[in-house]
N, C-alpha and C. Protein backbone atom coordinates (compact mmCIF):
# COMPACT_ATOMS: atom_id res chain seq x y z
N GLY A 1 -50.03 -43.56 -25.44
CA GLY A 1 -49.82 -44.71 -26.30
C GLY A 1 -49.41 -45.93 -25.48
N HIS A 2 -49.46 -47.05 -26.12
CA HIS A 2 -49.11 -48.31 -25.49
C HIS A 2 -47.93 -48.92 -26.24
N GLU A 3 -46.82 -49.17 -25.53
CA GLU A 3 -45.64 -49.74 -26.19
C GLU A 3 -45.85 -51.22 -26.48
N LEU A 4 -45.49 -51.64 -27.67
CA LEU A 4 -45.62 -53.02 -28.12
C LEU A 4 -44.26 -53.71 -28.10
N PRO A 5 -44.20 -55.01 -28.31
CA PRO A 5 -42.90 -55.68 -28.38
C PRO A 5 -42.02 -55.03 -29.46
N PHE A 6 -40.73 -54.99 -29.21
CA PHE A 6 -39.81 -54.36 -30.16
C PHE A 6 -39.14 -55.40 -31.06
N ALA A 7 -38.54 -54.92 -32.14
CA ALA A 7 -37.77 -55.77 -33.04
C ALA A 7 -36.31 -55.36 -32.95
N ALA A 8 -35.41 -56.32 -32.82
CA ALA A 8 -33.98 -56.06 -32.78
C ALA A 8 -33.31 -56.88 -33.87
N TYR A 9 -32.40 -56.26 -34.59
CA TYR A 9 -31.73 -56.95 -35.69
C TYR A 9 -30.40 -56.27 -35.98
N THR A 10 -29.61 -56.87 -36.82
CA THR A 10 -28.36 -56.29 -37.30
C THR A 10 -28.53 -55.95 -38.77
N ASP A 11 -28.22 -54.72 -39.14
CA ASP A 11 -28.41 -54.32 -40.54
C ASP A 11 -27.28 -54.88 -41.41
N PRO A 12 -27.38 -54.74 -42.73
CA PRO A 12 -26.37 -55.30 -43.63
C PRO A 12 -24.95 -54.78 -43.38
N LYS A 13 -24.80 -53.63 -42.72
CA LYS A 13 -23.47 -53.10 -42.41
C LYS A 13 -22.98 -53.54 -41.04
N GLY A 14 -23.73 -54.44 -40.38
CA GLY A 14 -23.31 -54.97 -39.09
C GLY A 14 -23.69 -54.12 -37.90
N ARG A 15 -24.53 -53.10 -38.09
CA ARG A 15 -24.93 -52.22 -37.00
C ARG A 15 -26.16 -52.80 -36.29
N ALA A 16 -26.15 -52.78 -34.98
CA ALA A 16 -27.30 -53.24 -34.21
C ALA A 16 -28.41 -52.20 -34.31
N LYS A 17 -29.63 -52.67 -34.57
CA LYS A 17 -30.79 -51.79 -34.69
C LYS A 17 -31.90 -52.30 -33.78
N VAL A 18 -32.66 -51.38 -33.22
CA VAL A 18 -33.85 -51.71 -32.44
C VAL A 18 -34.97 -50.84 -32.97
N VAL A 19 -36.10 -51.45 -33.27
CA VAL A 19 -37.28 -50.71 -33.72
C VAL A 19 -38.35 -50.88 -32.64
N ARG A 20 -38.81 -49.76 -32.12
CA ARG A 20 -39.85 -49.78 -31.09
C ARG A 20 -41.18 -49.42 -31.74
N TYR A 21 -42.23 -50.09 -31.32
CA TYR A 21 -43.57 -49.89 -31.87
C TYR A 21 -44.49 -49.37 -30.78
N TRP A 22 -45.40 -48.49 -31.17
CA TRP A 22 -46.37 -47.92 -30.24
C TRP A 22 -47.75 -48.01 -30.88
N LEU A 23 -48.73 -48.39 -30.09
CA LEU A 23 -50.11 -48.40 -30.53
C LEU A 23 -50.75 -47.11 -30.03
N MET A 24 -51.15 -46.25 -30.96
CA MET A 24 -51.68 -44.96 -30.56
C MET A 24 -52.49 -44.33 -31.69
N GLU A 25 -53.19 -43.30 -31.38
CA GLU A 25 -53.94 -42.53 -32.36
C GLU A 25 -53.06 -41.37 -32.85
N PRO A 26 -53.17 -41.01 -34.12
CA PRO A 26 -52.39 -39.87 -34.62
C PRO A 26 -52.87 -38.56 -34.00
N LEU A 27 -51.93 -37.70 -33.67
CA LEU A 27 -52.23 -36.38 -33.12
C LEU A 27 -51.57 -35.33 -33.99
N ASP A 28 -51.63 -34.11 -33.58
CA ASP A 28 -50.94 -33.04 -34.29
C ASP A 28 -49.43 -33.19 -34.10
N GLY A 29 -48.69 -32.51 -34.93
CA GLY A 29 -47.24 -32.49 -34.78
C GLY A 29 -46.58 -32.56 -36.13
N ALA A 30 -45.42 -32.00 -36.19
CA ALA A 30 -44.66 -31.98 -37.44
C ALA A 30 -43.70 -33.16 -37.46
N PHE A 31 -43.45 -33.67 -38.63
CA PHE A 31 -42.48 -34.74 -38.83
C PHE A 31 -41.28 -34.16 -39.55
N ALA A 32 -40.09 -34.47 -39.08
CA ALA A 32 -38.86 -34.02 -39.73
C ALA A 32 -38.07 -35.24 -40.19
N PRO A 33 -37.81 -35.36 -41.49
CA PRO A 33 -36.99 -36.48 -41.97
C PRO A 33 -35.63 -36.52 -41.29
N SER A 34 -35.06 -37.72 -41.18
CA SER A 34 -33.74 -37.88 -40.58
C SER A 34 -32.97 -38.94 -41.35
N HIS A 35 -31.78 -39.29 -40.86
CA HIS A 35 -30.99 -40.32 -41.53
C HIS A 35 -31.62 -41.70 -41.38
N GLU A 36 -32.54 -41.88 -40.43
CA GLU A 36 -33.19 -43.17 -40.21
C GLU A 36 -34.55 -43.26 -40.91
N VAL A 37 -35.31 -42.18 -40.91
CA VAL A 37 -36.68 -42.19 -41.43
C VAL A 37 -36.84 -41.02 -42.39
N ASP A 38 -37.25 -41.32 -43.63
CA ASP A 38 -37.42 -40.25 -44.59
C ASP A 38 -38.88 -39.89 -44.87
N ASP A 39 -39.81 -40.71 -44.34
CA ASP A 39 -41.22 -40.43 -44.56
C ASP A 39 -42.03 -41.07 -43.44
N MET A 40 -43.16 -40.48 -43.11
CA MET A 40 -44.04 -41.06 -42.10
C MET A 40 -45.47 -40.78 -42.53
N ARG A 41 -46.33 -41.79 -42.33
CA ARG A 41 -47.75 -41.57 -42.58
C ARG A 41 -48.54 -42.56 -41.75
N TRP A 42 -49.76 -42.18 -41.38
CA TRP A 42 -50.65 -43.03 -40.61
C TRP A 42 -51.53 -43.78 -41.60
N VAL A 43 -51.60 -45.10 -41.46
CA VAL A 43 -52.44 -45.91 -42.33
C VAL A 43 -53.20 -46.93 -41.50
N GLY A 44 -54.27 -47.45 -42.06
CA GLY A 44 -55.02 -48.50 -41.39
C GLY A 44 -54.31 -49.84 -41.53
N ALA A 45 -54.80 -50.83 -40.80
CA ALA A 45 -54.16 -52.15 -40.78
C ALA A 45 -54.11 -52.78 -42.16
N GLY A 46 -55.15 -52.64 -42.95
CA GLY A 46 -55.17 -53.25 -44.29
C GLY A 46 -54.06 -52.71 -45.19
N GLU A 47 -53.92 -51.40 -45.22
CA GLU A 47 -52.85 -50.81 -46.04
C GLU A 47 -51.48 -51.14 -45.47
N ALA A 48 -51.37 -51.11 -44.16
CA ALA A 48 -50.08 -51.43 -43.54
C ALA A 48 -49.65 -52.85 -43.91
N ARG A 49 -50.59 -53.78 -43.87
CA ARG A 49 -50.29 -55.19 -44.16
C ARG A 49 -49.66 -55.32 -45.56
N SER A 50 -50.13 -54.53 -46.52
CA SER A 50 -49.63 -54.66 -47.89
C SER A 50 -48.31 -53.94 -48.14
N THR A 51 -47.85 -53.14 -47.17
CA THR A 51 -46.62 -52.38 -47.38
C THR A 51 -45.46 -52.77 -46.47
N LEU A 52 -45.71 -53.62 -45.47
CA LEU A 52 -44.64 -53.99 -44.54
C LEU A 52 -43.55 -54.81 -45.21
N SER A 53 -42.32 -54.58 -44.83
CA SER A 53 -41.17 -55.24 -45.44
C SER A 53 -40.70 -56.47 -44.69
N TYR A 54 -40.89 -56.50 -43.38
CA TYR A 54 -40.27 -57.54 -42.57
C TYR A 54 -41.29 -58.50 -41.96
N ASP A 55 -40.93 -59.77 -41.87
CA ASP A 55 -41.80 -60.78 -41.27
C ASP A 55 -42.17 -60.42 -39.84
N THR A 56 -41.22 -59.85 -39.08
CA THR A 56 -41.53 -59.49 -37.69
C THR A 56 -42.63 -58.44 -37.64
N ASP A 57 -42.62 -57.48 -38.56
CA ASP A 57 -43.66 -56.46 -38.60
C ASP A 57 -45.01 -57.07 -38.96
N ARG A 58 -45.02 -57.95 -39.96
CA ARG A 58 -46.27 -58.60 -40.36
C ARG A 58 -46.83 -59.47 -39.23
N ALA A 59 -45.96 -60.17 -38.51
CA ALA A 59 -46.41 -61.02 -37.39
C ALA A 59 -47.02 -60.15 -36.28
N LEU A 60 -46.41 -59.03 -35.99
CA LEU A 60 -46.94 -58.13 -34.96
C LEU A 60 -48.30 -57.60 -35.36
N LEU A 61 -48.46 -57.21 -36.62
CA LEU A 61 -49.75 -56.71 -37.09
C LEU A 61 -50.82 -57.80 -37.01
N ARG A 62 -50.48 -59.03 -37.37
CA ARG A 62 -51.42 -60.15 -37.25
C ARG A 62 -51.85 -60.33 -35.79
N GLU A 63 -50.88 -60.23 -34.90
CA GLU A 63 -51.16 -60.40 -33.47
C GLU A 63 -52.09 -59.31 -32.95
N LEU A 64 -51.92 -58.10 -33.46
CA LEU A 64 -52.74 -56.97 -32.99
C LEU A 64 -54.13 -56.94 -33.60
N THR A 65 -54.26 -57.41 -34.82
CA THR A 65 -55.54 -57.29 -35.52
C THR A 65 -56.28 -58.59 -35.70
N GLY A 66 -55.64 -59.70 -35.41
CA GLY A 66 -56.30 -61.00 -35.50
C GLY A 66 -56.31 -61.62 -36.84
């Protein structure tokens, strides 16, 4: 995979958060929910664009897909 620019922010409780993004193809493997992520799925750019919550995520997707 190829690492993309990351997003850093402070959550509503004042905790520092960093989200790292990777450009890659889905492979085999199991996903286990955690306290940070409760669901994961691979989607295309069009579906991702309609579900992203943050401006930084939308800007990154625009940059990657044009």
